[in-house]
Amino acid sequence: MVNKKSSIKQILKQIRECDLCQQELPHVPRPIVQASAQSRILIIGQAQGRKVHESGVPWDDASGDRLRDWVGVTKTQFYDPTSFAIMPMGFCFPGSHNKTTGQSGDLPPMKICAPTWHQQLMFEMPEIKLTLVIGQYAMKHHLDNHHKNLTQTVKNFKEYLPQQFVLPHPSPRNNIWMKKNPWFQDEVLPQLKHSITQVLK
């Protein structure tokens, strides 16, 4: 019988040593992941930002601060892998848009990460009770059915409960979206905190 602890440890080691997209990245690959065979909540976000790439700590930025506020946990709780697993769509920082193109922000997650690693890692986490599916890339890959756009998908968040909770990315770049959609803070976040509490109690 395979030891689950040893098995997930081996996969995490493989992910952290992965260099499949080395030729496409503007820097040395630095895959960042957090998981345990005992993890109860899985967070699937977009990809690492520059600050996280530099620190090596997932969600170690303003987006992470907002996400922790949304779910109502401390940093200590958040970085406990027996509570939270963190498996982004792209394990490495993909780089940023060239400012000369008129686009801003980071590039999309590397496409090879999710199909290569996600199913393998999820198989080793049998205790997951709730998955936070954050942003359009995660929604398109991990939801069996999503609405015509992110806003409509999040507005219909109850369709995905109790196994999945859909969320916009907590980046400060989405402040305008938050102001345009006050129902998110009034209706969605209280339910999110309740769901997190129920799983972790």
N, C-alpha and C. Protein backbone atom coordinates (compact mmCIF):
# COMPACT_ATOMS: atom_id res chain seq x y z
N MET A 1 0.85 -1.20 0.00
CA MET A 1 0.00 0.00 0.00
C MET A 1 0.88 1.25 0.00
N VAL A 2 0.57 2.20 -0.88
CA VAL A 2 1.37 3.42 -1.00
C VAL A 2 1.12 4.32 0.20
N ASN A 3 2.17 4.81 0.80
CA ASN A 3 2.05 5.75 1.90
C ASN A 3 1.67 7.11 1.34
N LYS A 4 0.47 7.62 1.74
CA LYS A 4 -0.04 8.89 1.18
C LYS A 4 0.91 10.05 1.47
N LYS A 5 1.47 10.05 2.69
CA LYS A 5 2.37 11.13 3.06
C LYS A 5 3.59 11.16 2.15
N SER A 6 4.16 9.97 1.89
CA SER A 6 5.34 9.88 1.04
C SER A 6 4.98 10.23 -0.41
N SER A 7 3.78 9.79 -0.85
CA SER A 7 3.37 10.01 -2.22
C SER A 7 3.19 11.49 -2.53
N ILE A 8 2.50 12.22 -1.65
CA ILE A 8 2.29 13.65 -1.91
C ILE A 8 3.61 14.42 -1.76
N LYS A 9 4.45 13.96 -0.87
CA LYS A 9 5.76 14.60 -0.70
C LYS A 9 6.57 14.48 -1.98
N GLN A 10 6.47 13.33 -2.63
CA GLN A 10 7.20 13.10 -3.88
C GLN A 10 6.67 14.00 -4.99
N ILE A 11 5.34 14.13 -5.10
CA ILE A 11 4.76 14.97 -6.14
C ILE A 11 5.10 16.44 -5.91
N LEU A 12 5.06 16.89 -4.67
CA LEU A 12 5.41 18.28 -4.36
C LEU A 12 6.87 18.55 -4.74
N LYS A 13 7.73 17.58 -4.49
CA LYS A 13 9.16 17.72 -4.86
C LYS A 13 9.29 17.84 -6.38
N GLN A 14 8.54 17.03 -7.11
CA GLN A 14 8.59 17.07 -8.58
C GLN A 14 8.09 18.42 -9.10
N ILE A 15 7.02 18.93 -8.50
CA ILE A 15 6.49 20.22 -8.93
C ILE A 15 7.51 21.32 -8.68
N ARG A 16 8.11 21.31 -7.50
CA ARG A 16 9.07 22.38 -7.15
C ARG A 16 10.34 22.32 -7.98
N GLU A 17 10.60 21.16 -8.58
CA GLU A 17 11.78 21.02 -9.45
C GLU A 17 11.42 21.14 -10.93
N CYS A 18 10.14 21.34 -11.23
CA CYS A 18 9.67 21.35 -12.62
C CYS A 18 10.28 22.52 -13.40
N ASP A 19 10.71 22.23 -14.63
CA ASP A 19 11.24 23.29 -15.50
C ASP A 19 10.71 23.13 -16.94
N LEU A 20 9.50 22.56 -17.06
CA LEU A 20 8.92 22.29 -18.38
C LEU A 20 8.78 23.55 -19.23
N CYS A 21 8.54 24.69 -18.59
CA CYS A 21 8.32 25.92 -19.37
C CYS A 21 9.53 26.85 -19.32
N GLN A 22 10.68 26.30 -19.01
CA GLN A 22 11.88 27.12 -18.85
C GLN A 22 12.18 27.99 -20.07
N GLN A 23 11.95 27.45 -21.26
CA GLN A 23 12.26 28.19 -22.48
C GLN A 23 11.30 29.35 -22.72
N GLU A 24 10.13 29.31 -22.08
CA GLU A 24 9.12 30.35 -22.31
C GLU A 24 9.13 31.44 -21.24
N LEU A 25 9.82 31.20 -20.14
CA LEU A 25 9.83 32.16 -19.05
C LEU A 25 10.97 33.16 -19.18
N PRO A 26 10.77 34.39 -18.71
CA PRO A 26 11.82 35.40 -18.78
C PRO A 26 12.79 35.32 -17.60
N HIS A 27 12.69 34.25 -16.81
CA HIS A 27 13.52 34.09 -15.62
C HIS A 27 13.64 32.60 -15.32
N VAL A 28 14.43 32.25 -14.32
CA VAL A 28 14.58 30.85 -13.90
C VAL A 28 13.26 30.41 -13.25
N PRO A 29 12.73 29.22 -13.61
CA PRO A 29 11.48 28.75 -13.01
C PRO A 29 11.59 28.65 -11.49
N ARG A 30 10.51 29.06 -10.81
CA ARG A 30 10.44 28.89 -9.36
C ARG A 30 9.02 28.47 -9.00
N PRO A 31 8.66 27.22 -9.21
CA PRO A 31 7.31 26.75 -8.91
C PRO A 31 7.01 26.87 -7.41
N ILE A 32 5.85 27.40 -7.09
CA ILE A 32 5.46 27.61 -5.69
C ILE A 32 4.12 26.92 -5.44
N VAL A 33 4.09 26.08 -4.41
CA VAL A 33 2.90 25.27 -4.13
C VAL A 33 2.86 24.97 -2.63
N GLN A 34 1.67 24.74 -2.10
CA GLN A 34 1.50 24.34 -0.70
C GLN A 34 0.41 23.27 -0.64
N ALA A 35 0.70 22.14 -0.04
CA ALA A 35 -0.29 21.07 0.04
C ALA A 35 0.10 20.03 1.07
N SER A 36 -0.90 19.29 1.52
CA SER A 36 -0.71 18.20 2.47
C SER A 36 -1.78 17.15 2.20
N ALA A 37 -1.53 15.93 2.57
CA ALA A 37 -2.54 14.88 2.44
C ALA A 37 -3.73 15.16 3.35
N GLN A 38 -3.53 16.04 4.34
CA GLN A 38 -4.61 16.39 5.27
C GLN A 38 -5.32 17.70 4.92
N SER A 39 -4.90 18.37 3.85
CA SER A 39 -5.50 19.66 3.47
C SER A 39 -7.02 19.54 3.34
N ARG A 40 -7.74 20.54 3.84
CA ARG A 40 -9.21 20.51 3.78
C ARG A 40 -9.80 21.52 2.80
N ILE A 41 -9.05 22.59 2.54
CA ILE A 41 -9.51 23.61 1.59
C ILE A 41 -8.44 23.78 0.52
N LEU A 42 -8.85 23.74 -0.73
CA LEU A 42 -7.93 23.91 -1.86
C LEU A 42 -8.16 25.26 -2.52
N ILE A 43 -7.11 26.02 -2.70
CA ILE A 43 -7.19 27.32 -3.36
C ILE A 43 -6.54 27.20 -4.74
N ILE A 44 -7.34 27.43 -5.77
CA ILE A 44 -6.82 27.42 -7.14
C ILE A 44 -6.91 28.84 -7.69
N GLY A 45 -5.78 29.51 -7.75
CA GLY A 45 -5.75 30.87 -8.25
C GLY A 45 -5.21 30.95 -9.66
N GLN A 46 -4.59 32.05 -9.97
CA GLN A 46 -4.11 32.29 -11.33
C GLN A 46 -2.65 31.85 -11.48
N ALA A 47 -1.72 32.73 -11.16
CA ALA A 47 -0.29 32.41 -11.20
C ALA A 47 0.41 33.33 -10.22
N GLN A 48 1.65 33.00 -9.92
CA GLN A 48 2.40 33.83 -8.98
C GLN A 48 2.67 35.22 -9.58
N GLY A 49 2.67 36.22 -8.73
CA GLY A 49 3.09 37.56 -9.14
C GLY A 49 4.58 37.71 -8.89
N ARG A 50 5.11 38.85 -9.27
CA ARG A 50 6.55 39.09 -9.12
C ARG A 50 6.99 39.01 -7.66
N LYS A 51 6.20 39.60 -6.76
CA LYS A 51 6.58 39.61 -5.34
C LYS A 51 6.63 38.20 -4.78
N VAL A 52 5.65 37.37 -5.15
CA VAL A 52 5.63 35.99 -4.68
C VAL A 52 6.79 35.21 -5.27
N HIS A 53 7.11 35.47 -6.52
CA HIS A 53 8.26 34.83 -7.17
C HIS A 53 9.53 35.13 -6.39
N GLU A 54 9.65 36.35 -5.92
CA GLU A 54 10.86 36.76 -5.20
C GLU A 54 10.91 36.19 -3.78
N SER A 55 9.76 36.13 -3.10
CA SER A 55 9.73 35.66 -1.71
C SER A 55 9.63 34.14 -1.59
N GLY A 56 9.01 33.51 -2.59
CA GLY A 56 8.80 32.07 -2.52
C GLY A 56 7.62 31.67 -1.65
N VAL A 57 6.84 32.65 -1.21
CA VAL A 57 5.69 32.40 -0.33
C VAL A 57 4.40 32.68 -1.10
N PRO A 58 3.51 31.69 -1.26
CA PRO A 58 2.28 31.92 -2.03
C PRO A 58 1.39 33.00 -1.42
N TRP A 59 0.78 33.79 -2.28
CA TRP A 59 -0.15 34.86 -1.86
C TRP A 59 0.50 35.83 -0.87
N ASP A 60 1.79 36.05 -1.04
CA ASP A 60 2.54 36.96 -0.17
C ASP A 60 2.55 38.36 -0.77
N ASP A 61 1.36 38.92 -0.94
CA ASP A 61 1.24 40.24 -1.58
C ASP A 61 -0.11 40.85 -1.21
N ALA A 62 -0.45 41.97 -1.84
CA ALA A 62 -1.71 42.65 -1.53
C ALA A 62 -2.92 41.77 -1.85
N SER A 63 -2.82 40.97 -2.92
CA SER A 63 -3.91 40.05 -3.27
C SER A 63 -4.11 39.03 -2.15
N GLY A 64 -3.02 38.54 -1.59
CA GLY A 64 -3.11 37.59 -0.50
C GLY A 64 -3.73 38.19 0.75
N ASP A 65 -3.37 39.44 1.03
CA ASP A 65 -3.95 40.11 2.19
C ASP A 65 -5.47 40.20 2.04
N ARG A 66 -5.91 40.56 0.84
CA ARG A 66 -7.35 40.67 0.61
C ARG A 66 -8.02 39.30 0.66
N LEU A 67 -7.39 38.28 0.10
CA LEU A 67 -7.97 36.95 0.12
C LEU A 67 -8.12 36.45 1.56
N ARG A 68 -7.11 36.66 2.38
CA ARG A 68 -7.21 36.24 3.78
C ARG A 68 -8.33 36.98 4.51
N ASP A 69 -8.53 38.24 4.15
CA ASP A 69 -9.64 39.00 4.72
C ASP A 69 -10.97 38.43 4.25
N TRP A 70 -11.05 38.07 2.98
CA TRP A 70 -12.29 37.49 2.43
C TRP A 70 -12.65 36.20 3.16
N VAL A 71 -11.67 35.33 3.38
CA VAL A 71 -11.98 34.03 3.99
C VAL A 71 -11.99 34.08 5.51
N GLY A 72 -11.48 35.18 6.08
CA GLY A 72 -11.54 35.37 7.52
C GLY A 72 -10.58 34.52 8.32
N VAL A 73 -9.34 34.39 7.83
CA VAL A 73 -8.34 33.62 8.58
C VAL A 73 -7.06 34.43 8.75
N THR A 74 -6.26 34.02 9.72
CA THR A 74 -4.97 34.66 9.96
C THR A 74 -3.92 34.08 9.01
N LYS A 75 -2.76 34.72 8.96
CA LYS A 75 -1.67 34.19 8.15
C LYS A 75 -1.24 32.81 8.65
N THR A 76 -1.24 32.63 9.96
CA THR A 76 -0.85 31.34 10.53
C THR A 76 -1.78 30.24 10.05
N GLN A 77 -3.08 30.51 10.06
CA GLN A 77 -4.05 29.53 9.58
C GLN A 77 -3.88 29.29 8.07
N PHE A 78 -3.69 30.38 7.34
CA PHE A 78 -3.61 30.32 5.88
C PHE A 78 -2.42 29.49 5.41
N TYR A 79 -1.30 29.61 6.13
CA TYR A 79 -0.09 28.91 5.71
C TYR A 79 0.08 27.56 6.41
N ASP A 80 -0.99 27.05 7.00
CA ASP A 80 -0.98 25.71 7.56
C ASP A 80 -1.48 24.76 6.47
N PRO A 81 -0.61 23.94 5.89
CA PRO A 81 -1.01 23.09 4.77
C PRO A 81 -2.05 22.02 5.14
N THR A 82 -2.22 21.72 6.44
CA THR A 82 -3.26 20.78 6.81
C THR A 82 -4.64 21.44 6.71
N SER A 83 -4.67 22.76 6.66
CA SER A 83 -5.93 23.49 6.46
C SER A 83 -6.09 23.92 5.00
N PHE A 84 -5.07 24.59 4.46
CA PHE A 84 -5.16 25.12 3.11
C PHE A 84 -4.09 24.55 2.18
N ALA A 85 -4.52 24.06 1.04
CA ALA A 85 -3.62 23.71 -0.05
C ALA A 85 -3.69 24.84 -1.07
N ILE A 86 -2.57 25.19 -1.66
CA ILE A 86 -2.51 26.29 -2.63
C ILE A 86 -1.91 25.75 -3.92
N MET A 87 -2.75 25.66 -4.95
CA MET A 87 -2.35 25.05 -6.23
C MET A 87 -2.79 25.99 -7.37
N PRO A 88 -1.94 26.92 -7.77
CA PRO A 88 -2.33 27.86 -8.82
C PRO A 88 -2.40 27.24 -10.20
N MET A 89 -3.04 27.93 -11.12
CA MET A 89 -3.08 27.47 -12.51
C MET A 89 -1.69 27.45 -13.12
N GLY A 90 -0.87 28.39 -12.71
CA GLY A 90 0.52 28.43 -13.14
C GLY A 90 1.40 28.50 -11.90
N PHE A 91 2.30 27.55 -11.73
CA PHE A 91 3.11 27.50 -10.51
C PHE A 91 4.22 28.54 -10.49
N CYS A 92 4.58 29.06 -11.65
CA CYS A 92 5.65 30.06 -11.74
C CYS A 92 5.10 31.43 -12.16
N PHE A 93 5.83 32.45 -11.83
CA PHE A 93 5.53 33.80 -12.30
C PHE A 93 5.74 33.83 -13.82
N PRO A 94 4.69 34.17 -14.59
CA PRO A 94 4.81 34.10 -16.05
C PRO A 94 5.50 35.30 -16.69
N GLY A 95 5.76 36.35 -15.88
CA GLY A 95 6.30 37.58 -16.44
C GLY A 95 5.19 38.60 -16.63
N SER A 96 5.57 39.81 -16.96
CA SER A 96 4.60 40.90 -17.12
C SER A 96 4.51 41.33 -18.58
N HIS A 97 3.38 41.97 -18.90
CA HIS A 97 3.21 42.52 -20.24
C HIS A 97 4.27 43.59 -20.51
N ASN A 98 4.67 43.68 -21.75
CA ASN A 98 5.59 44.73 -22.18
C ASN A 98 4.80 46.04 -22.25
N LYS A 99 5.24 47.04 -21.51
CA LYS A 99 4.49 48.31 -21.44
C LYS A 99 4.33 48.98 -22.80
N THR A 100 5.21 48.66 -23.74
CA THR A 100 5.11 49.30 -25.06
C THR A 100 3.88 48.83 -25.83
N THR A 101 3.29 47.70 -25.40
CA THR A 101 2.10 47.18 -26.09
C THR A 101 0.82 47.85 -25.63
N GLY A 102 0.92 48.62 -24.54
CA GLY A 102 -0.28 49.28 -24.01
C GLY A 102 -1.02 48.42 -23.01
N GLN A 103 -0.59 47.18 -22.82
CA GLN A 103 -1.22 46.30 -21.85
C GLN A 103 -0.47 46.38 -20.52
N SER A 104 -1.20 46.12 -19.45
CA SER A 104 -0.58 46.15 -18.12
C SER A 104 -0.86 44.84 -17.40
N GLY A 105 -0.18 44.64 -16.27
CA GLY A 105 -0.40 43.43 -15.48
C GLY A 105 0.48 42.28 -15.93
N ASP A 106 0.25 41.14 -15.30
CA ASP A 106 1.06 39.96 -15.60
C ASP A 106 0.50 39.18 -16.78
N LEU A 107 1.36 38.39 -17.39
CA LEU A 107 0.95 37.51 -18.48
C LEU A 107 0.07 36.38 -17.94
N PRO A 108 -0.68 35.69 -18.80
CA PRO A 108 -1.50 34.56 -18.35
C PRO A 108 -0.63 33.44 -17.79
N PRO A 109 -1.21 32.56 -16.97
CA PRO A 109 -0.46 31.41 -16.44
C PRO A 109 0.07 30.53 -17.58
N MET A 110 1.21 29.90 -17.36
CA MET A 110 1.72 28.94 -18.32
C MET A 110 0.69 27.82 -18.50
N LYS A 111 0.39 27.46 -19.75
CA LYS A 111 -0.68 26.50 -20.01
C LYS A 111 -0.33 25.06 -19.64
N ILE A 112 0.94 24.76 -19.47
CA ILE A 112 1.35 23.38 -19.25
C ILE A 112 1.17 22.92 -17.80
N CYS A 113 1.12 23.86 -16.86
CA CYS A 113 1.10 23.50 -15.43
C CYS A 113 -0.13 22.69 -15.02
N ALA A 114 -1.31 23.24 -15.28
CA ALA A 114 -2.54 22.59 -14.80
C ALA A 114 -2.73 21.17 -15.36
N PRO A 115 -2.64 20.98 -16.69
CA PRO A 115 -2.83 19.62 -17.20
C PRO A 115 -1.74 18.64 -16.77
N THR A 116 -0.56 19.15 -16.46
CA THR A 116 0.53 18.27 -16.04
C THR A 116 0.40 17.84 -14.58
N TRP A 117 0.01 18.77 -13.70
CA TRP A 117 0.12 18.51 -12.27
C TRP A 117 -1.18 18.48 -11.47
N HIS A 118 -2.21 19.19 -11.91
CA HIS A 118 -3.38 19.36 -11.03
C HIS A 118 -4.06 18.06 -10.61
N GLN A 119 -4.36 17.21 -11.57
CA GLN A 119 -5.05 15.96 -11.22
C GLN A 119 -4.20 15.08 -10.32
N GLN A 120 -2.92 15.01 -10.59
CA GLN A 120 -2.02 14.21 -9.76
C GLN A 120 -2.03 14.69 -8.31
N LEU A 121 -1.94 16.02 -8.14
CA LEU A 121 -1.88 16.57 -6.79
C LEU A 121 -3.24 16.44 -6.09
N MET A 122 -4.32 16.69 -6.80
CA MET A 122 -5.65 16.58 -6.20
C MET A 122 -5.94 15.15 -5.74
N PHE A 123 -5.44 14.19 -6.47
CA PHE A 123 -5.65 12.78 -6.11
C PHE A 123 -5.03 12.45 -4.75
N GLU A 124 -3.96 13.17 -4.40
CA GLU A 124 -3.26 12.93 -3.15
C GLU A 124 -3.84 13.72 -1.98
N MET A 125 -4.93 14.44 -2.21
CA MET A 125 -5.55 15.26 -1.14
C MET A 125 -7.01 14.83 -0.94
N PRO A 126 -7.23 13.64 -0.37
CA PRO A 126 -8.59 13.11 -0.24
C PRO A 126 -9.46 13.82 0.78
N GLU A 127 -8.85 14.67 1.62
CA GLU A 127 -9.62 15.34 2.67
C GLU A 127 -10.18 16.70 2.24
N ILE A 128 -9.96 17.10 0.99
CA ILE A 128 -10.46 18.40 0.52
C ILE A 128 -11.99 18.41 0.57
N LYS A 129 -12.53 19.40 1.28
CA LYS A 129 -13.98 19.54 1.40
C LYS A 129 -14.50 20.74 0.61
N LEU A 130 -13.63 21.71 0.34
CA LEU A 130 -14.04 22.92 -0.37
C LEU A 130 -12.89 23.41 -1.24
N THR A 131 -13.21 23.76 -2.49
CA THR A 131 -12.22 24.30 -3.42
C THR A 131 -12.59 25.71 -3.80
N LEU A 132 -11.69 26.66 -3.56
CA LEU A 132 -11.90 28.04 -3.98
C LEU A 132 -11.36 28.18 -5.41
N VAL A 133 -12.24 28.45 -6.35
CA VAL A 133 -11.87 28.58 -7.76
C VAL A 133 -11.82 30.07 -8.07
N ILE A 134 -10.60 30.60 -8.19
CA ILE A 134 -10.40 32.05 -8.24
C ILE A 134 -9.96 32.53 -9.63
N GLY A 135 -10.79 33.37 -10.24
CA GLY A 135 -10.43 33.96 -11.52
C GLY A 135 -10.85 33.13 -12.72
N GLN A 136 -10.84 33.78 -13.88
CA GLN A 136 -11.37 33.16 -15.10
C GLN A 136 -10.57 31.95 -15.58
N TYR A 137 -9.25 31.95 -15.41
CA TYR A 137 -8.46 30.81 -15.88
C TYR A 137 -8.80 29.55 -15.08
N ALA A 138 -8.91 29.70 -13.78
CA ALA A 138 -9.27 28.56 -12.93
C ALA A 138 -10.69 28.09 -13.21
N MET A 139 -11.59 29.04 -13.43
CA MET A 139 -12.98 28.68 -13.72
C MET A 139 -13.11 27.88 -15.00
N LYS A 140 -12.42 28.32 -16.05
CA LYS A 140 -12.51 27.63 -17.34
C LYS A 140 -11.95 26.22 -17.27
N HIS A 141 -10.95 26.03 -16.43
CA HIS A 141 -10.30 24.71 -16.36
C HIS A 141 -11.00 23.77 -15.39
N HIS A 142 -11.51 24.30 -14.27
CA HIS A 142 -11.97 23.43 -13.20
C HIS A 142 -13.48 23.37 -12.99
N LEU A 143 -14.25 24.22 -13.65
CA LEU A 143 -15.70 24.15 -13.51
C LEU A 143 -16.31 23.36 -14.66
N ASP A 144 -17.22 22.47 -14.34
CA ASP A 144 -17.91 21.71 -15.38
C ASP A 144 -18.79 22.64 -16.22
N ASN A 145 -19.36 23.64 -15.56
CA ASN A 145 -20.18 24.62 -16.28
C ASN A 145 -19.95 26.00 -15.67
N HIS A 146 -19.67 26.96 -16.51
CA HIS A 146 -19.54 28.33 -16.01
C HIS A 146 -20.37 29.22 -16.92
N HIS A 147 -20.75 30.38 -16.40
CA HIS A 147 -21.61 31.29 -17.15
C HIS A 147 -20.81 32.07 -18.19
N LYS A 148 -21.48 32.97 -18.88
CA LYS A 148 -20.86 33.64 -20.03
C LYS A 148 -19.66 34.51 -19.66
N ASN A 149 -19.60 34.95 -18.42
CA ASN A 149 -18.44 35.72 -17.99
C ASN A 149 -18.23 35.53 -16.48
N LEU A 150 -17.13 36.05 -15.99
CA LEU A 150 -16.77 35.88 -14.58
C LEU A 150 -17.84 36.45 -13.66
N THR A 151 -18.34 37.63 -13.98
CA THR A 151 -19.33 38.27 -13.11
C THR A 151 -20.56 37.40 -12.93
N GLN A 152 -21.07 36.85 -14.02
CA GLN A 152 -22.26 36.00 -13.94
C GLN A 152 -21.96 34.69 -13.20
N THR A 153 -20.76 34.17 -13.39
CA THR A 153 -20.39 32.94 -12.68
C THR A 153 -20.36 33.19 -11.18
N VAL A 154 -19.73 34.30 -10.77
CA VAL A 154 -19.65 34.62 -9.34
C VAL A 154 -21.04 34.93 -8.77
N LYS A 155 -21.85 35.62 -9.55
CA LYS A 155 -23.20 35.97 -9.09
C LYS A 155 -24.03 34.72 -8.83
N ASN A 156 -23.73 33.66 -9.56
CA ASN A 156 -24.45 32.39 -9.39
C ASN A 156 -23.63 31.39 -8.57
N PHE A 157 -22.89 31.91 -7.61
CA PHE A 157 -21.96 31.08 -6.83
C PHE A 157 -22.63 29.91 -6.12
N LYS A 158 -23.90 30.05 -5.77
CA LYS A 158 -24.58 28.99 -5.02
C LYS A 158 -24.73 27.71 -5.84
N GLU A 159 -24.66 27.83 -7.17
CA GLU A 159 -24.77 26.65 -8.03
C GLU A 159 -23.61 25.66 -7.81
N TYR A 160 -22.49 26.17 -7.32
CA TYR A 160 -21.29 25.35 -7.21
C TYR A 160 -21.05 24.81 -5.80
N LEU A 161 -21.84 25.31 -4.85
CA LEU A 161 -21.72 24.84 -3.47
C LEU A 161 -22.30 23.44 -3.34
N PRO A 162 -21.87 22.64 -2.37
CA PRO A 162 -20.90 22.98 -1.31
C PRO A 162 -19.45 22.62 -1.65
N GLN A 163 -19.20 21.99 -2.81
CA GLN A 163 -17.84 21.54 -3.11
C GLN A 163 -16.93 22.67 -3.60
N GLN A 164 -17.49 23.63 -4.34
CA GLN A 164 -16.67 24.70 -4.93
C GLN A 164 -17.23 26.08 -4.59
N PHE A 165 -16.33 27.03 -4.45
CA PHE A 165 -16.73 28.42 -4.23
C PHE A 165 -16.00 29.27 -5.26
N VAL A 166 -16.75 29.93 -6.14
CA VAL A 166 -16.14 30.71 -7.21
C VAL A 166 -15.94 32.16 -6.77
N LEU A 167 -14.79 32.72 -7.12
CA LEU A 167 -14.44 34.06 -6.69
C LEU A 167 -13.68 34.81 -7.78
N PRO A 168 -13.82 36.15 -7.79
CA PRO A 168 -12.95 36.94 -8.67
C PRO A 168 -11.56 36.98 -8.06
N HIS A 169 -10.57 37.38 -8.83
CA HIS A 169 -9.24 37.49 -8.25
C HIS A 169 -9.22 38.67 -7.28
N PRO A 170 -8.60 38.50 -6.10
CA PRO A 170 -8.59 39.57 -5.10
C PRO A 170 -7.56 40.68 -5.37
N SER A 171 -7.02 40.72 -6.56
CA SER A 171 -6.03 41.74 -6.91
C SER A 171 -6.59 43.16 -6.76
N PRO A 172 -5.76 44.11 -6.33
CA PRO A 172 -6.18 45.51 -6.30
C PRO A 172 -6.64 46.01 -7.68
N ARG A 173 -6.20 45.33 -8.73
CA ARG A 173 -6.65 45.70 -10.08
C ARG A 173 -8.15 45.49 -10.26
N ASN A 174 -8.76 44.71 -9.37
CA ASN A 174 -10.19 44.46 -9.45
C ASN A 174 -11.01 45.37 -8.55
N ASN A 175 -10.41 46.46 -8.05
CA ASN A 175 -11.15 47.40 -7.20
C ASN A 175 -12.35 48.00 -7.92
N ILE A 176 -12.19 48.28 -9.20
CA ILE A 176 -13.31 48.85 -9.97
C ILE A 176 -14.44 47.83 -10.07
N TRP A 177 -14.09 46.57 -10.30
CA TRP A 177 -15.11 45.51 -10.37
C TRP A 177 -15.87 45.42 -9.05
N MET A 178 -15.13 45.51 -7.94
CA MET A 178 -15.75 45.44 -6.61
C MET A 178 -16.75 46.58 -6.41
N LYS A 179 -16.39 47.78 -6.87
CA LYS A 179 -17.28 48.94 -6.72
C LYS A 179 -18.52 48.81 -7.59
N LYS A 180 -18.35 48.21 -8.76
CA LYS A 180 -19.49 48.03 -9.68
C LYS A 180 -20.44 46.92 -9.24
N ASN A 181 -19.94 46.04 -8.38
CA ASN A 181 -20.72 44.86 -7.97
C ASN A 181 -20.79 44.76 -6.45
N PRO A 182 -21.50 45.68 -5.80
CA PRO A 182 -21.57 45.68 -4.33
C PRO A 182 -22.21 44.42 -3.75
N TRP A 183 -23.00 43.72 -4.54
CA TRP A 183 -23.61 42.47 -4.07
C TRP A 183 -22.56 41.44 -3.66
N PHE A 184 -21.35 41.55 -4.24
CA PHE A 184 -20.30 40.59 -3.91
C PHE A 184 -19.95 40.66 -2.43
N GLN A 185 -19.75 41.87 -1.94
CA GLN A 185 -19.41 42.03 -0.53
C GLN A 185 -20.61 41.76 0.37
N ASP A 186 -21.79 42.11 -0.07
CA ASP A 186 -22.99 41.96 0.76
C ASP A 186 -23.51 40.53 0.82
N GLU A 187 -23.41 39.80 -0.31
CA GLU A 187 -24.02 38.48 -0.39
C GLU A 187 -23.02 37.33 -0.43
N VAL A 188 -21.94 37.52 -1.18
CA VAL A 188 -21.01 36.41 -1.40
C VAL A 188 -20.04 36.22 -0.24
N LEU A 189 -19.41 37.30 0.22
CA LEU A 189 -18.38 37.17 1.25
C LEU A 189 -18.90 36.60 2.57
N PRO A 190 -20.10 36.98 3.04
CA PRO A 190 -20.59 36.33 4.27
C PRO A 190 -20.75 34.82 4.12
N GLN A 191 -21.23 34.39 2.95
CA GLN A 191 -21.37 32.95 2.71
C GLN A 191 -20.01 32.27 2.62
N LEU A 192 -19.03 32.97 2.03
CA LEU A 192 -17.68 32.42 1.94
C LEU A 192 -17.10 32.18 3.32
N LYS A 193 -17.19 33.19 4.19
CA LYS A 193 -16.66 33.04 5.55
C LYS A 193 -17.37 31.91 6.29
N HIS A 194 -18.67 31.79 6.09
CA HIS A 194 -19.43 30.72 6.73
C HIS A 194 -18.95 29.35 6.24
N SER A 195 -18.75 29.22 4.94
CA SER A 195 -18.31 27.95 4.36
C SER A 195 -16.92 27.57 4.88
N ILE A 196 -16.02 28.55 4.96
CA ILE A 196 -14.67 28.30 5.47
C ILE A 196 -14.73 27.85 6.93
N THR A 197 -15.53 28.53 7.74
CA THR A 197 -15.67 28.19 9.15
C THR A 197 -16.19 26.77 9.33
N GLN A 198 -17.16 26.41 8.52
CA GLN A 198 -17.75 25.07 8.62
C GLN A 198 -16.74 23.98 8.33
N VAL A 199 -15.88 24.23 7.35
CA VAL A 199 -14.88 23.21 6.97
C VAL A 199 -13.77 23.10 8.01
N LEU A 200 -13.38 24.24 8.57
CA LEU A 200 -12.23 24.24 9.48
C LEU A 200 -12.57 23.97 10.94
N LYS A 201 -13.84 23.96 11.28
CA LYS A 201 -14.21 23.81 12.71
C LYS A 201 -13.87 22.40 13.23
